[in-house]
Amino acid sequence: MLAWPAPLLPTLPGAGPVLRVFDTARGEVVATTPDRVARMYVCGITPYDATHLGHAATYLAFDLVNRVWRDAGHGVHYVQNVTDIDDPLLERAERDGEDWVVLGMRETALFREDMTALRVLPPDDYVGAVATIPRIVAHVETLLDEGLAYALDDGTGDVYHDVAQAPGFGEESGYDEATMLALSAERGGDPDRPGKRNRLDPLLWRGRREGEPSWPGPRGTEGRPGWHIECAAIALATIGMGFDVQGGGSDLVFPHHEFSAVHAEALTATKPFARAYVHAAMIGLDGEKMSKSRGNLVFVSKLRGEGVDPMAIRLALLSGHYRTDRAWTADLLAAAQDRLATWRRAAACSTGAPAAPVLAGLRERLADDLDSPGAIALVDTWAAATLAGGGDGEDGAPAMVADAVDALLGVDLFGAALQEG
């Protein structure tokens, strides 16, 4: 599956520090310790609708991870999936009387456009679940052969993973059983399904149902894969075990990331699946949780269609810390638009306040658990000093700061300023 085109990254002098991020599994900020090539897997969209601001905030957070690693001198192997077969996609297609394949392709294409506009660095491997089904089937067969999975005896062909045989189950989320059961019921699980050995056992393979697409499956069955085994299979095929960061929204802590790890660790008999589990917080709208059920999603494509500069969207989302639940408001966007205009005026100057402290400060703030608000404040201070100083300043400083803002925060100042001029 094709990703989207990569924006050009300016080359900055020197190198940034080690990236530290909050690891959900350990409950603390930890230093990432990549080899020469850092490895990251970020869970992608289920393409039944356009990219909303919650999606955008998540992918911007991990775009910062990518940029900070690259600035520190690492190559980055970034993998993202597309869950192009799942219940929400089928339900939306049925509701709208549309072919589920066409719906998925259209919304995936729109997602690519949004990521391009937001200048998100693309994944090296962009992999759909459907393309991975043969590999998933082989993995389910392995788990059945080893007695780690079982088929229900109700004739459905449904296969579940036996979590009682998963050492360390629960370590990624740290949740107790009651919390896991509640979240499983809320987030696509089936804890009350009759015939399961354990209420928390996750679905590996869903047997064929009338009216649903299906593929050849384990033990001669037909059906489609469960959600969590998709990401485990894709990660194992692309970046392997023990990769540096597993990323996604905070709603993926459980069950998705917990069970993806369970599946991969059972298949390989090794731990850990990921060295750090990093999660982006939720975006609300005017004080309410933003969700499809509430009908209050704000879409990136709609904002772009209204003429909103994608760089203002990016700045607005980065003005809050990635781990803090926050609201999208008209005032937030207006402040970001004003900030962007101010930065561009400063970047258009021939001289300005010294650039070296800004570059060092940006590197320090972003390496410290992606402190984008702190990084933005540094640029605000520099822009104000530059605009207040008129022609008295360091030659070339605006261009250097614009490059740093571009490379590290992903906000295009210098190119846009030239276009406007």
Protein backbone atom coordinates (compact mmCIF):
# COMPACT_ATOMS: atom_id res chain seq x y z
CA MET A 1 0.00 0.00 0.00
CA LEU A 2 1.36 3.42 -0.95
CA ALA A 3 1.93 5.99 1.79
CA TRP A 4 2.17 9.72 1.06
CA PRO A 5 5.07 11.87 -0.19
CA ALA A 6 7.68 12.94 2.33
CA PRO A 7 8.32 16.63 3.01
CA LEU A 8 11.90 17.79 2.69
CA LEU A 9 13.74 17.99 6.02
CA PRO A 10 16.24 20.82 6.41
CA THR A 11 19.70 19.80 7.62
CA LEU A 12 20.54 21.34 11.00
CA PRO A 13 24.01 21.82 12.48
CA GLY A 14 25.05 19.37 15.19
CA ALA A 15 22.74 16.72 16.61
CA GLY A 16 19.95 16.61 19.15
CA PRO A 17 19.92 14.80 22.52
CA VAL A 18 18.46 11.43 23.46
CA LEU A 19 14.67 11.30 23.25
CA ARG A 20 12.82 10.61 26.49
CA VAL A 21 9.13 9.62 26.42
CA PHE A 22 6.47 8.45 28.86
CA ASP A 23 6.17 4.67 28.78
CA THR A 24 2.66 3.60 29.77
CA ALA A 25 3.85 0.13 30.81
CA ARG A 26 6.41 1.49 33.30
CA GLY A 27 4.42 4.56 34.25
CA GLU A 28 7.36 6.93 33.89
CA VAL A 29 9.39 8.95 31.43
CA VAL A 30 12.21 6.81 30.04
CA ALA A 31 15.08 7.31 27.63
CA THR A 32 14.68 5.65 24.25
CA THR A 33 17.70 3.56 23.33
CA PRO A 34 17.53 2.87 19.61
CA ASP A 35 20.23 1.15 17.63
CA ARG A 36 21.50 2.97 14.56
CA VAL A 37 17.97 2.67 13.13
CA ALA A 38 15.12 3.45 15.51
CA ARG A 39 12.00 1.31 15.02
CA MET A 40 8.45 2.57 15.58
CA TYR A 41 5.01 1.10 14.98
CA VAL A 42 1.99 3.43 15.14
CA CYS A 43 -1.50 2.01 14.81
CA GLY A 44 -3.29 3.46 11.80
CA ILE A 45 -6.84 4.31 10.87
CA THR A 46 -9.90 2.19 10.22
CA PRO A 47 -10.92 3.99 7.02
CA TYR A 48 -14.66 4.38 7.47
CA ASP A 49 -14.52 8.17 7.84
CA ALA A 50 -12.24 11.13 7.24
CA THR A 51 -9.27 12.14 9.40
CA HIS A 52 -10.58 13.91 12.49
CA LEU A 53 -8.53 16.07 14.84
CA GLY A 54 -8.03 13.22 17.31
CA HIS A 55 -6.35 11.21 14.55
CA ALA A 56 -4.31 14.22 13.53
CA ALA A 57 -3.09 14.92 17.09
CA THR A 58 -1.94 11.31 17.46
CA TYR A 59 0.00 11.22 14.21
CA LEU A 60 1.53 14.62 14.90
CA ALA A 61 2.82 13.36 18.26
CA PHE A 62 4.61 10.44 16.64
CA ASP A 63 5.79 12.65 13.82
CA LEU A 64 7.67 14.56 16.52
CA VAL A 65 9.21 11.28 17.74
CA ASN A 66 10.34 10.58 14.18
CA ARG A 67 11.81 14.06 13.75
CA VAL A 68 13.62 14.09 17.11
CA TRP A 69 15.19 10.70 16.40
CA ARG A 70 16.35 11.82 12.97
CA ASP A 71 17.79 15.01 14.42
CA ALA A 72 19.72 12.89 16.94
CA GLY A 73 21.36 11.02 14.05
CA HIS A 74 19.22 7.89 13.84
CA GLY A 75 17.67 6.37 10.81
CA VAL A 76 14.01 5.57 11.46
CA HIS A 77 12.04 2.53 10.34
CA TYR A 78 8.44 3.63 10.79
CA VAL A 79 5.53 1.25 10.25
CA GLN A 80 1.83 2.10 10.18
CA ASN A 81 -1.11 -0.17 9.39
CA VAL A 82 -4.52 0.41 7.85
CA THR A 83 -7.33 -1.65 9.38
CA ASP A 84 -9.08 -2.01 6.04
CA ILE A 85 -11.40 -4.77 7.25
CA ASP A 86 -13.27 -4.42 10.54
CA ASP A 87 -16.77 -4.00 11.94
CA PRO A 88 -16.92 -0.16 11.82
CA LEU A 89 -15.99 -0.16 8.13
CA LEU A 90 -18.60 -2.79 7.26
CA GLU A 91 -21.26 -1.06 9.35
CA ARG A 92 -20.64 2.32 7.70
CA ALA A 93 -20.69 0.79 4.23
CA GLU A 94 -23.98 -0.98 4.96
CA ARG A 95 -25.51 2.18 6.42
CA ASP A 96 -24.61 4.21 3.35
CA GLY A 97 -25.33 1.48 0.81
CA GLU A 98 -21.74 1.54 -0.38
CA ASP A 99 -19.17 -1.09 -1.25
CA TRP A 100 -16.88 -1.49 1.76
CA VAL A 101 -13.79 -1.75 -0.45
CA VAL A 102 -14.58 1.51 -2.25
CA LEU A 103 -15.32 3.25 1.06
CA GLY A 104 -12.03 2.10 2.55
CA MET A 105 -10.00 3.12 -0.48
CA ARG A 106 -11.58 6.57 -0.64
CA GLU A 107 -11.09 7.36 3.04
CA THR A 108 -7.52 6.04 2.99
CA ALA A 109 -6.77 8.33 0.04
CA LEU A 110 -8.25 11.28 1.95
CA PHE A 111 -6.15 10.37 4.99
CA ARG A 112 -3.04 10.46 2.80
CA GLU A 113 -4.00 13.92 1.58
CA ASP A 114 -4.48 15.15 5.15
CA MET A 115 -1.13 13.75 6.28
CA THR A 116 0.58 15.35 3.29
CA ALA A 117 -1.00 18.72 4.07
CA LEU A 118 0.04 18.45 7.73
CA ARG A 119 3.60 17.56 6.65
CA VAL A 120 3.68 14.30 8.58
CA LEU A 121 6.66 12.14 7.66
CA PRO A 122 5.28 9.00 5.98
CA PRO A 123 5.82 5.44 7.19
CA ASP A 124 8.40 3.27 5.46
CA ASP A 125 5.90 0.40 5.51
CA TYR A 126 2.22 1.26 5.12
CA VAL A 127 0.40 -2.06 5.34
CA GLY A 128 -3.25 -3.01 5.08
CA ALA A 129 -4.84 -5.76 7.13
CA VAL A 130 -6.38 -7.41 4.07
CA ALA A 131 -2.97 -7.83 2.43
CA THR A 132 -1.74 -9.48 5.63
CA ILE A 133 -4.49 -12.11 5.95
CA PRO A 134 -2.42 -15.10 4.69
CA ARG A 135 0.27 -14.30 7.26
CA ILE A 136 -2.37 -13.87 9.98
CA VAL A 137 -3.90 -17.25 9.14
CA ALA A 138 -0.48 -18.90 9.48
CA HIS A 139 -0.02 -17.27 12.87
CA VAL A 140 -3.43 -18.43 14.10
CA GLU A 141 -2.59 -21.95 12.91
CA THR A 142 0.63 -21.81 14.92
CA LEU A 143 -1.17 -20.72 18.08
CA LEU A 144 -3.73 -23.50 17.63
CA ASP A 145 -0.99 -26.08 17.04
CA GLU A 146 0.78 -25.03 20.21
CA GLY A 147 -2.39 -25.15 22.29
CA LEU A 148 -2.31 -21.41 22.96
CA ALA A 149 -5.55 -20.77 21.08
CA TYR A 150 -8.84 -22.61 20.77
CA ALA A 151 -11.88 -22.71 18.52
CA LEU A 152 -15.32 -22.39 20.04
CA ASP A 153 -17.41 -25.54 19.72
CA ASP A 154 -20.51 -23.65 18.59
CA GLY A 155 -19.90 -24.12 14.88
CA THR A 156 -19.02 -20.47 14.18
CA GLY A 157 -15.36 -21.11 13.44
CA ASP A 158 -14.37 -18.36 15.86
CA VAL A 159 -10.87 -18.73 17.37
CA TYR A 160 -9.67 -17.13 20.62
CA HIS A 161 -6.30 -16.69 22.31
CA ASP A 162 -6.09 -18.31 25.74
CA VAL A 163 -4.74 -15.49 27.92
CA ALA A 164 -4.39 -17.82 30.89
CA GLN A 165 -1.28 -19.08 29.08
CA ALA A 166 0.15 -15.60 28.47
CA PRO A 167 2.82 -14.81 31.09
CA GLY A 168 2.79 -11.16 32.04
CA PHE A 169 -0.66 -10.49 30.61
CA GLY A 170 -1.68 -7.03 31.83
CA GLU A 171 1.83 -5.59 32.10
CA GLU A 172 1.41 -3.16 29.21
CA SER A 173 -1.75 -1.47 30.52
CA GLY A 174 -1.34 -2.11 34.26
CA TYR A 175 -5.14 -2.34 34.58
CA ASP A 176 -6.96 -4.61 36.99
CA GLU A 177 -9.42 -7.23 35.74
CA ALA A 178 -12.53 -5.13 36.38
CA THR A 179 -11.12 -2.26 34.32
CA MET A 180 -10.08 -4.63 31.54
CA LEU A 181 -13.54 -6.18 31.39
CA ALA A 182 -15.22 -2.78 31.23
CA LEU A 183 -12.89 -1.52 28.49
CA SER A 184 -13.18 -4.77 26.54
CA ALA A 185 -16.96 -4.41 26.41
CA GLU A 186 -16.66 -0.74 25.44
CA ARG A 187 -13.94 -1.14 22.79
CA GLY A 188 -15.01 -4.00 20.57
CA GLY A 189 -14.44 -7.01 22.81
CA ASP A 190 -16.97 -9.66 23.80
CA PRO A 191 -16.40 -10.53 27.48
CA ASP A 192 -19.86 -12.08 27.81
CA ARG A 193 -19.54 -14.40 24.80
CA PRO A 194 -20.62 -17.94 25.81
CA GLY A 195 -18.05 -20.68 25.43
CA LYS A 196 -14.92 -18.63 26.05
CA ARG A 197 -12.46 -20.04 28.56
CA ASN A 198 -11.75 -16.60 29.99
CA ARG A 199 -13.93 -13.52 29.58
CA LEU A 200 -10.88 -11.53 28.48
CA ASP A 201 -9.73 -13.96 25.77
CA PRO A 202 -9.33 -11.92 22.54
CA LEU A 203 -10.69 -12.94 19.16
CA LEU A 204 -8.05 -14.15 16.71
CA TRP A 205 -10.29 -15.25 13.84
CA ARG A 206 -13.98 -14.58 13.15
CA GLY A 207 -15.69 -17.36 11.24
CA ARG A 208 -17.69 -16.55 8.14
CA ARG A 209 -21.02 -14.76 8.67
CA GLU A 210 -23.70 -14.29 6.06
CA GLY A 211 -23.27 -11.03 4.18
CA GLU A 212 -19.71 -10.42 5.38
CA PRO A 213 -16.53 -10.68 3.32
CA SER A 214 -14.44 -13.73 4.11
CA TRP A 215 -11.13 -15.35 3.25
CA PRO A 216 -9.67 -18.87 3.64
CA GLY A 217 -8.80 -19.30 7.28
CA PRO A 218 -7.24 -21.68 9.80
CA ARG A 219 -8.26 -25.34 9.90
CA GLY A 220 -10.10 -25.07 6.60
CA THR A 221 -12.49 -22.39 7.82
CA GLU A 222 -13.44 -19.12 6.16
CA GLY A 223 -13.74 -15.74 7.83
CA ARG A 224 -11.72 -12.67 8.71
CA PRO A 225 -9.09 -11.75 11.28
CA GLY A 226 -9.57 -10.26 14.71
CA TRP A 227 -8.32 -6.75 15.26
CA HIS A 228 -5.29 -7.24 17.49
CA ILE A 229 -3.59 -10.06 15.55
CA GLU A 230 -3.41 -7.76 12.51
CA CYS A 231 -0.95 -5.37 14.12
CA ALA A 232 1.06 -8.18 15.69
CA ALA A 233 1.46 -9.85 12.30
CA ILE A 234 2.38 -6.62 10.50
CA ALA A 235 4.92 -5.61 13.13
CA LEU A 236 6.57 -9.04 13.14
CA ALA A 237 6.85 -8.98 9.35
CA THR A 238 8.36 -5.51 9.15
CA ILE A 239 10.34 -4.45 12.23
CA GLY A 240 10.34 -7.54 14.43
CA MET A 241 10.24 -7.91 18.19
CA GLY A 242 11.68 -5.45 20.67
CA PHE A 243 11.10 -2.35 18.57
CA ASP A 244 11.57 1.00 20.25
CA VAL A 245 8.12 2.61 20.38
CA GLN A 246 4.60 1.28 20.03
CA GLY A 247 2.41 4.31 19.46
CA GLY A 248 -1.25 5.21 19.27
CA GLY A 249 -4.06 7.00 21.03
CA SER A 250 -4.71 6.47 24.73
CA ASP A 251 -7.84 4.48 23.86
CA LEU A 252 -5.55 1.76 22.46
CA VAL A 253 -3.78 1.02 25.77
CA PHE A 254 -6.38 -1.69 26.35
CA PRO A 255 -7.40 -3.88 24.71
CA HIS A 256 -5.51 -3.28 21.46
CA HIS A 257 -1.91 -2.79 22.54
CA GLU A 258 -2.18 -5.27 25.38
CA PHE A 259 -3.44 -8.02 23.08
CA SER A 260 -1.15 -7.20 20.17
CA ALA A 261 1.74 -7.80 22.56
CA VAL A 262 0.17 -11.01 23.88
CA HIS A 263 -0.15 -12.41 20.35
CA ALA A 264 3.37 -11.45 19.22
CA GLU A 265 5.06 -12.65 22.41
CA ALA A 266 3.23 -16.00 22.18
CA LEU A 267 4.23 -16.44 18.55
CA THR A 268 7.89 -15.69 19.17
CA ALA A 269 8.26 -16.93 22.77
CA THR A 270 10.20 -13.73 23.45
CA LYS A 271 9.58 -10.43 25.22
CA PRO A 272 9.07 -7.55 24.91
CA PHE A 273 6.98 -6.78 21.86
CA ALA A 274 7.92 -3.10 22.25
CA ARG A 275 10.44 -1.38 24.51
CA ALA A 276 8.11 1.55 25.21
CA TYR A 277 4.36 2.06 24.84
CA VAL A 278 3.60 5.70 24.13
CA HIS A 279 0.07 7.08 23.97
CA ALA A 280 -1.40 10.37 22.79
CA ALA A 281 -4.31 11.88 24.70
CA MET A 282 -7.78 12.66 23.43
CA ILE A 283 -9.02 15.82 21.70
CA GLY A 284 -12.42 17.20 22.71
CA LEU A 285 -14.66 19.85 21.21
CA ASP A 286 -15.85 22.76 23.32
CA GLY A 287 -15.69 20.78 26.55
CA GLU A 288 -17.05 17.45 25.27
CA LYS A 289 -15.27 14.29 24.18
CA MET A 290 -14.97 14.21 20.41
CA SER A 291 -16.41 10.95 19.06
CA LYS A 292 -18.40 9.55 16.17
CA SER A 293 -21.21 8.57 18.55
CA ARG A 294 -21.66 12.20 19.63
CA GLY A 295 -21.51 13.42 16.05
CA ASN A 296 -19.08 16.20 16.97
CA LEU A 297 -15.98 15.18 15.04
CA VAL A 298 -13.98 17.96 13.41
CA PHE A 299 -12.32 16.80 10.21
CA VAL A 300 -8.97 18.00 8.89
CA SER A 301 -10.25 17.89 5.31
CA LYS A 302 -13.23 20.09 6.20
CA LEU A 303 -10.97 22.68 7.81
CA ARG A 304 -8.70 22.60 4.78
CA GLY A 305 -11.72 23.00 2.53
CA GLU A 306 -12.67 26.11 4.48
CA GLY A 307 -9.26 27.58 3.69
CA VAL A 308 -7.58 26.96 7.04
CA ASP A 309 -3.81 26.71 6.62
CA PRO A 310 -2.71 23.17 7.61
CA MET A 311 0.25 24.69 9.43
CA ALA A 312 -2.19 26.54 11.70
CA ILE A 313 -3.97 23.22 12.40
CA ARG A 314 -0.61 21.66 13.21
CA LEU A 315 0.39 24.50 15.52
CA ALA A 316 -2.97 24.46 17.28
CA LEU A 317 -2.70 20.75 18.04
CA LEU A 318 0.95 20.99 19.11
CA SER A 319 0.19 23.89 21.46
CA GLY A 320 -1.01 21.31 24.01
CA HIS A 321 1.13 18.48 25.37
CA TYR A 322 0.54 15.18 23.61
CA ARG A 323 -0.30 13.38 26.88
CA THR A 324 -2.87 15.94 28.01
CA ASP A 325 -6.54 15.62 27.07
CA ARG A 326 -7.45 18.95 25.53
CA ALA A 327 -10.22 20.74 23.69
CA TRP A 328 -10.41 22.09 20.18
CA THR A 329 -12.05 25.51 20.12
CA ALA A 330 -12.39 28.42 17.73
CA ASP A 331 -10.12 30.43 20.04
CA LEU A 332 -7.42 27.75 19.90
CA LEU A 333 -7.40 27.85 16.11
CA ALA A 334 -7.47 31.67 16.03
CA ALA A 335 -4.48 31.82 18.39
CA ALA A 336 -2.58 29.37 16.19
CA GLN A 337 -3.35 31.40 13.08
CA ASP A 338 -2.08 34.56 14.78
CA ARG A 339 1.02 32.72 15.97
CA LEU A 340 1.73 31.38 12.49
CA ALA A 341 1.41 34.85 10.97
CA THR A 342 3.79 36.29 13.59
CA TRP A 343 6.37 33.55 13.06
CA ARG A 344 6.22 34.05 9.31
CA ARG A 345 6.75 37.79 9.63
CA ALA A 346 9.79 37.14 11.79
CA ALA A 347 11.09 34.46 9.41
CA ALA A 348 10.85 36.92 6.52
CA CYS A 349 13.33 39.30 8.21
CA SER A 350 16.94 39.32 7.02
CA THR A 351 18.28 39.65 10.56
CA GLY A 352 16.91 38.62 13.90
CA ALA A 353 17.51 37.56 17.47
CA PRO A 354 20.23 34.88 17.76
CA ALA A 355 19.25 31.51 16.34
CA ALA A 356 21.59 29.14 18.22
CA PRO A 357 19.72 29.38 21.56
CA VAL A 358 16.44 28.68 19.77
CA LEU A 359 17.80 25.55 18.08
CA ALA A 360 19.30 24.29 21.35
CA GLY A 361 16.08 25.06 23.22
CA LEU A 362 13.86 23.34 20.66
CA ARG A 363 16.02 20.24 20.82
CA GLU A 364 15.98 20.21 24.61
CA ARG A 365 12.21 20.72 24.92
CA LEU A 366 11.19 18.15 22.31
CA ALA A 367 13.63 15.53 23.60
CA ASP A 368 12.02 15.94 27.03
CA ASP A 369 8.86 13.89 26.40
CA LEU A 370 7.88 15.93 23.34
CA ASP A 371 7.31 19.21 25.17
CA SER A 372 5.82 20.97 22.15
CA PRO A 373 4.22 23.77 24.24
CA GLY A 374 7.63 24.61 25.66
CA ALA A 375 9.19 24.51 22.20
CA ILE A 376 6.48 26.79 20.80
CA ALA A 377 7.01 29.28 23.65
CA LEU A 378 10.69 29.53 22.72
CA VAL A 379 9.84 30.44 19.14
CA ASP A 380 7.23 32.94 20.36
CA THR A 381 9.92 34.69 22.41
CA TRP A 382 12.36 34.69 19.50
CA ALA A 383 9.77 36.03 17.04
CA ALA A 384 8.78 38.84 19.39
CA ALA A 385 12.42 39.84 19.93
CA THR A 386 13.15 39.71 16.21
CA LEU A 387 10.16 41.84 15.27
CA ALA A 388 10.90 44.31 18.07
CA GLY A 389 14.55 44.62 17.10
CA GLY A 390 14.05 45.77 13.55
CA GLY A 391 17.30 45.54 11.61
CA ASP A 392 19.55 45.16 14.66
CA GLY A 393 20.25 41.48 14.93
CA GLU A 394 22.12 38.43 13.70
CA ASP A 395 22.38 38.02 9.93
CA GLY A 396 20.64 34.89 8.69
CA ALA A 397 19.09 34.07 12.06
CA PRO A 398 15.50 34.02 10.71
CA ALA A 399 16.42 31.47 8.06
CA MET A 400 18.15 29.29 10.65
CA VAL A 401 15.18 29.43 13.01
CA ALA A 402 12.79 28.70 10.15
CA ASP A 403 14.83 25.59 9.30
CA ALA A 404 14.77 24.47 12.94
CA VAL A 405 11.01 24.99 13.21
CA ASP A 406 10.54 23.09 9.95
CA ALA A 407 12.81 20.15 10.83
CA LEU A 408 11.75 19.74 14.46
CA LEU A 409 8.18 21.02 14.75
CA GLY A 410 7.21 20.30 11.15
CA VAL A 411 5.88 23.82 10.55
CA ASP A 412 6.84 25.35 7.20
CA LEU A 413 7.65 29.04 7.72
CA PHE A 414 10.27 30.05 5.22
CA GLY A 415 8.75 28.45 2.13
CA ALA A 416 5.29 29.73 2.93
CA ALA A 417 6.64 33.20 3.63
CA LEU A 418 8.36 33.28 0.26
CA GLN A 419 5.20 32.11 -1.48
CA GLU A 420 3.16 34.81 0.22
CA GLY A 421 5.73 37.44 -0.66
